[in-house]
Amino acid sequence: GNNRYKQWYQRRVRGMFIKVLYGDNKEAIFNPQCRTLLLLEHIKERVGYQPNIDIDLSDENGFIVHLLRSPPLQFASEFLESRRTFILVKVSKHDDGTESVEPMLNNLRSERPNAFARLTSYDSYGSAQHTDVTEKRVGRQRSKKSGKRGK
């Protein structure tokens, strides 16, 4: 009954984590089962950033997740697939109203040149053509539910 559900839920939540890469090959583990706003604040606190700095995440291929633009009270787990690795990016706002991103993983250019090229090609935060990580995740879930295999 209820005890069995509680044990299942605790195993499920315990297994939910994401890895964030930043700095000089540093990595930190976070639980995405929280509000988006809280996750971003916790990441900033853990990596030593000031609260007024805007951050976001990209996947390992350089596609931005757009947590910063998501509703702050929505759960981050709705946007971040568990057990995936993400790259920390800094979002800067300019006087002309545009925004740009800067990867905060120092060796990104040498270790993941495609991700570096994609992240540094954003002329405005989110304006480069890309497939959103969320769309990929939702699409995969839909194909499981319908029983049809995605190709």
Protein backbone atom coordinates (compact mmCIF):
# COMPACT_ATOMS: atom_id res chain seq x y z
CA GLY A 1 0.00 0.00 0.00
CA ASN A 2 1.18 3.39 1.09
CA ASN A 3 4.55 2.16 2.41
CA ARG A 4 5.41 0.55 -0.93
CA TYR A 5 4.66 3.83 -2.75
CA LYS A 6 6.81 5.77 -0.26
CA GLN A 7 9.77 3.42 -0.84
CA TRP A 8 9.35 3.68 -4.64
CA TYR A 9 9.18 7.50 -4.46
CA GLN A 10 12.28 7.73 -2.24
CA ARG A 11 14.28 5.53 -4.66
CA ARG A 12 13.08 7.58 -7.61
CA VAL A 13 13.95 10.95 -6.05
CA ARG A 14 17.28 9.69 -4.75
CA GLY A 15 18.23 8.66 -8.28
CA MET A 16 17.36 12.04 -9.77
CA PHE A 17 20.39 14.23 -10.26
CA ILE A 18 22.14 16.30 -12.87
CA LYS A 19 25.83 17.05 -13.22
CA VAL A 20 26.91 20.64 -13.92
CA LEU A 21 30.37 21.34 -15.38
CA TYR A 22 32.07 24.69 -14.71
CA GLY A 23 35.42 26.40 -14.08
CA ASP A 24 38.62 24.39 -14.44
CA ASN A 25 37.10 20.92 -14.99
CA LYS A 26 34.97 21.23 -11.87
CA GLU A 27 31.67 19.43 -11.58
CA ALA A 28 28.83 19.51 -9.08
CA ILE A 29 25.78 17.29 -8.62
CA PHE A 30 22.35 18.86 -8.15
CA ASN A 31 18.85 17.52 -7.57
CA PRO A 32 16.47 18.92 -10.23
CA GLN A 33 13.40 18.02 -8.12
CA CYS A 34 12.94 21.64 -7.00
CA ARG A 35 11.67 24.95 -8.32
CA THR A 36 13.69 26.39 -11.20
CA LEU A 37 14.45 29.56 -9.25
CA LEU A 38 15.82 27.57 -6.30
CA LEU A 39 18.00 25.37 -8.49
CA LEU A 40 19.58 28.40 -10.20
CA GLU A 41 20.19 30.06 -6.81
CA HIS A 42 21.72 26.86 -5.41
CA ILE A 43 24.02 26.48 -8.42
CA LYS A 44 25.23 30.09 -8.02
CA GLU A 45 25.82 29.56 -4.32
CA ARG A 46 27.73 26.29 -4.86
CA VAL A 47 30.02 27.69 -7.58
CA GLY A 48 30.63 30.95 -5.70
CA TYR A 49 28.78 33.41 -7.95
CA GLN A 50 27.11 36.58 -6.67
CA PRO A 51 23.28 36.39 -6.48
CA ASN A 52 22.91 39.20 -9.07
CA ILE A 53 24.67 37.19 -11.83
CA ASP A 54 22.29 35.49 -14.27
CA ILE A 55 23.11 31.90 -15.18
CA ASP A 56 21.59 29.13 -17.25
CA LEU A 57 22.57 25.67 -18.43
CA SER A 58 23.28 24.14 -21.80
CA ASP A 59 23.47 20.49 -22.69
CA GLU A 60 26.80 18.96 -23.70
CA ASN A 61 26.18 19.92 -27.33
CA GLY A 62 25.74 23.62 -26.55
CA PHE A 63 21.92 23.80 -26.70
CA ILE A 64 20.65 26.20 -24.03
CA VAL A 65 17.99 24.85 -21.68
CA HIS A 66 16.48 28.31 -20.87
CA LEU A 67 15.86 27.70 -17.18
CA LEU A 68 16.27 31.42 -16.61
CA ARG A 69 13.29 32.11 -18.88
CA SER A 70 11.10 29.33 -17.51
CA PRO A 71 8.44 30.04 -14.86
CA PRO A 72 10.42 30.36 -11.58
CA LEU A 73 8.01 28.18 -9.61
CA GLN A 74 7.97 25.36 -12.15
CA PHE A 75 10.02 22.29 -11.25
CA ALA A 76 13.43 22.15 -12.94
CA SER A 77 12.95 18.39 -13.45
CA GLU A 78 10.37 19.28 -16.12
CA PHE A 79 13.20 20.78 -18.20
CA LEU A 80 16.24 18.73 -17.15
CA GLU A 81 16.50 15.05 -17.83
CA SER A 82 17.91 13.21 -14.84
CA ARG A 83 21.46 11.82 -14.95
CA ARG A 84 22.50 14.16 -17.77
CA THR A 85 25.48 16.49 -17.82
CA PHE A 86 25.06 20.22 -18.37
CA ILE A 87 27.43 23.14 -18.88
CA LEU A 88 27.09 26.29 -16.81
CA VAL A 89 26.64 29.48 -18.84
CA LYS A 90 26.55 33.10 -17.74
CA VAL A 91 23.82 35.31 -19.25
CA SER A 92 24.75 38.98 -19.70
CA LYS A 93 22.23 41.73 -20.39
CA HIS A 94 23.40 44.63 -22.54
CA ASP A 95 22.29 48.27 -22.62
CA ASP A 96 20.56 47.80 -25.98
CA GLY A 97 18.25 45.15 -24.48
CA THR A 98 20.03 42.14 -26.00
CA GLU A 99 21.45 39.25 -23.99
CA SER A 100 24.47 37.06 -24.63
CA VAL A 101 25.80 33.83 -23.13
CA GLU A 102 29.29 32.93 -22.04
CA PRO A 103 30.26 29.31 -21.28
CA MET A 104 31.68 29.05 -17.77
CA LEU A 105 33.63 25.84 -18.41
CA ASN A 106 37.20 26.95 -19.09
CA ASN A 107 38.33 24.05 -21.29
CA LEU A 108 35.15 23.93 -23.37
CA ARG A 109 36.90 25.07 -26.58
CA SER A 110 39.38 22.17 -26.48
CA GLU A 111 37.22 19.47 -24.89
CA ARG A 112 33.90 20.13 -26.69
CA PRO A 113 34.62 22.33 -29.73
CA ASN A 114 31.13 21.90 -31.21
CA ALA A 115 29.44 23.01 -27.98
CA PHE A 116 31.85 25.94 -27.70
CA ALA A 117 31.13 27.01 -31.28
CA ARG A 118 27.37 26.77 -30.77
CA LEU A 119 27.38 28.65 -27.44
CA THR A 120 29.63 31.43 -28.71
CA SER A 121 27.55 31.83 -31.90
CA TYR A 122 24.49 33.08 -29.99
CA ASP A 123 24.32 36.74 -30.99
CA SER A 124 21.50 37.17 -28.52
CA TYR A 125 20.50 34.81 -25.72
CA GLY A 126 18.51 32.10 -27.45
CA SER A 127 18.46 33.56 -30.94
CA ALA A 128 20.68 30.98 -32.62
CA GLN A 129 18.76 28.23 -34.37
CA HIS A 130 18.63 25.18 -32.16
CA THR A 131 16.45 22.35 -30.94
CA ASP A 132 15.48 22.87 -27.34
CA VAL A 133 16.45 20.11 -24.88
CA THR A 134 12.91 20.23 -23.48
CA GLU A 135 11.40 19.49 -26.89
CA LYS A 136 13.63 16.43 -27.28
CA ARG A 137 12.63 15.14 -23.85
CA VAL A 138 8.90 15.71 -24.34
CA GLY A 139 9.01 14.13 -27.80
CA ARG A 140 10.72 11.05 -26.43
CA GLN A 141 8.10 10.71 -23.68
CA ARG A 142 5.25 11.03 -26.16
CA SER A 143 6.63 8.27 -28.35
CA LYS A 144 6.84 5.94 -25.34
CA LYS A 145 3.24 6.62 -24.39
CA SER A 146 1.89 6.10 -27.89
CA GLY A 147 3.87 2.90 -28.29
CA LYS A 148 5.40 4.12 -31.53
CA ARG A 149 9.14 4.04 -31.87
CA GLY A 150 10.82 7.32 -32.79
CA LYS A 151 13.31 7.17 -35.63
